Amino acid sequence: MHKLPTMAAFVRYNMPYGSAPNTLTAQQAYDVSAYVLSHSRPKFNGQRTIAFPPRKASFY
């Protein structure tokens, strides 16, 4: 989902949660996706302990 068209298609079909597919217009789905993708991604830390269950993130 790191590409805008892929994420927009997912958002259009699945958002808002619990609603019928394609509730959003194509433009609304692209706008939401572009907003989400405009933010930087967090760095993955495989040594971090996940709260539940208590295993290292690299386990997954």
Protein backbone atom coordinates (compact mmCIF):
# COMPACT_ATOMS: atom_id res chain seq x y z
CA MET A 1 0.00 0.00 0.00
CA HIS A 2 2.93 2.32 -0.51
CA LYS A 3 1.59 3.37 -3.93
CA LEU A 4 -1.19 5.91 -4.22
CA PRO A 5 -3.44 4.03 -6.70
CA THR A 6 -3.25 0.82 -4.67
CA MET A 7 -4.08 2.53 -1.40
CA ALA A 8 -6.82 4.65 -2.98
CA ALA A 9 -8.55 1.53 -4.31
CA PHE A 10 -8.38 -0.09 -0.86
CA VAL A 11 -9.67 3.06 0.87
CA ARG A 12 -12.51 3.48 -1.61
CA TYR A 13 -13.71 -0.09 -1.14
CA ASN A 14 -13.20 -0.37 2.66
CA MET A 15 -13.77 3.08 4.14
CA PRO A 16 -15.46 4.28 6.21
CA TYR A 17 -15.36 1.19 8.37
CA GLY A 18 -18.63 -0.70 8.45
CA SER A 19 -20.14 1.02 5.44
CA ALA A 20 -21.00 -0.34 2.03
CA PRO A 21 -18.18 -0.54 -0.55
CA ASN A 22 -17.58 2.53 -2.70
CA THR A 23 -19.21 4.93 -0.27
CA LEU A 24 -16.41 7.40 -0.98
CA THR A 25 -15.89 8.94 -4.39
CA ALA A 26 -12.66 8.22 -6.25
CA GLN A 27 -11.46 11.75 -5.47
CA GLN A 28 -12.16 11.40 -1.75
CA ALA A 29 -10.29 8.09 -1.67
CA TYR A 30 -7.28 9.65 -3.45
CA ASP A 31 -7.33 12.61 -1.07
CA VAL A 32 -7.35 10.39 2.03
CA SER A 33 -4.63 8.16 0.60
CA ALA A 34 -2.43 11.08 -0.42
CA TYR A 35 -2.74 12.55 3.07
CA VAL A 36 -1.76 9.28 4.76
CA LEU A 37 1.14 8.66 2.37
CA SER A 38 2.47 12.21 2.81
CA HIS A 39 3.57 11.35 6.36
CA SER A 40 6.88 9.66 7.05
CA ARG A 41 6.84 6.01 8.05
CA PRO A 42 8.18 5.00 11.45
CA LYS A 43 11.47 3.13 11.54
CA PHE A 44 11.19 -0.59 12.26
CA ASN A 45 13.02 -1.63 15.41
CA GLY A 46 13.32 -5.42 15.59
CA GLN A 47 14.75 -5.25 19.12
CA ARG A 48 11.71 -3.47 20.55
CA THR A 49 9.49 -5.57 22.81
CA ILE A 50 5.85 -5.66 21.85
CA ALA A 51 3.56 -5.22 24.83
CA PHE A 52 1.29 -8.18 24.10
CA PRO A 53 2.48 -10.86 23.70
CA PRO A 54 5.91 -9.97 25.15
CA ARG A 55 8.08 -10.97 22.18
CA LYS A 56 10.67 -9.10 20.15
CA ALA A 57 9.20 -7.41 17.11
CA SER A 58 11.59 -9.39 14.89
CA PHE A 59 9.71 -12.56 15.94
CA TYR A 60 6.88 -11.49 13.62
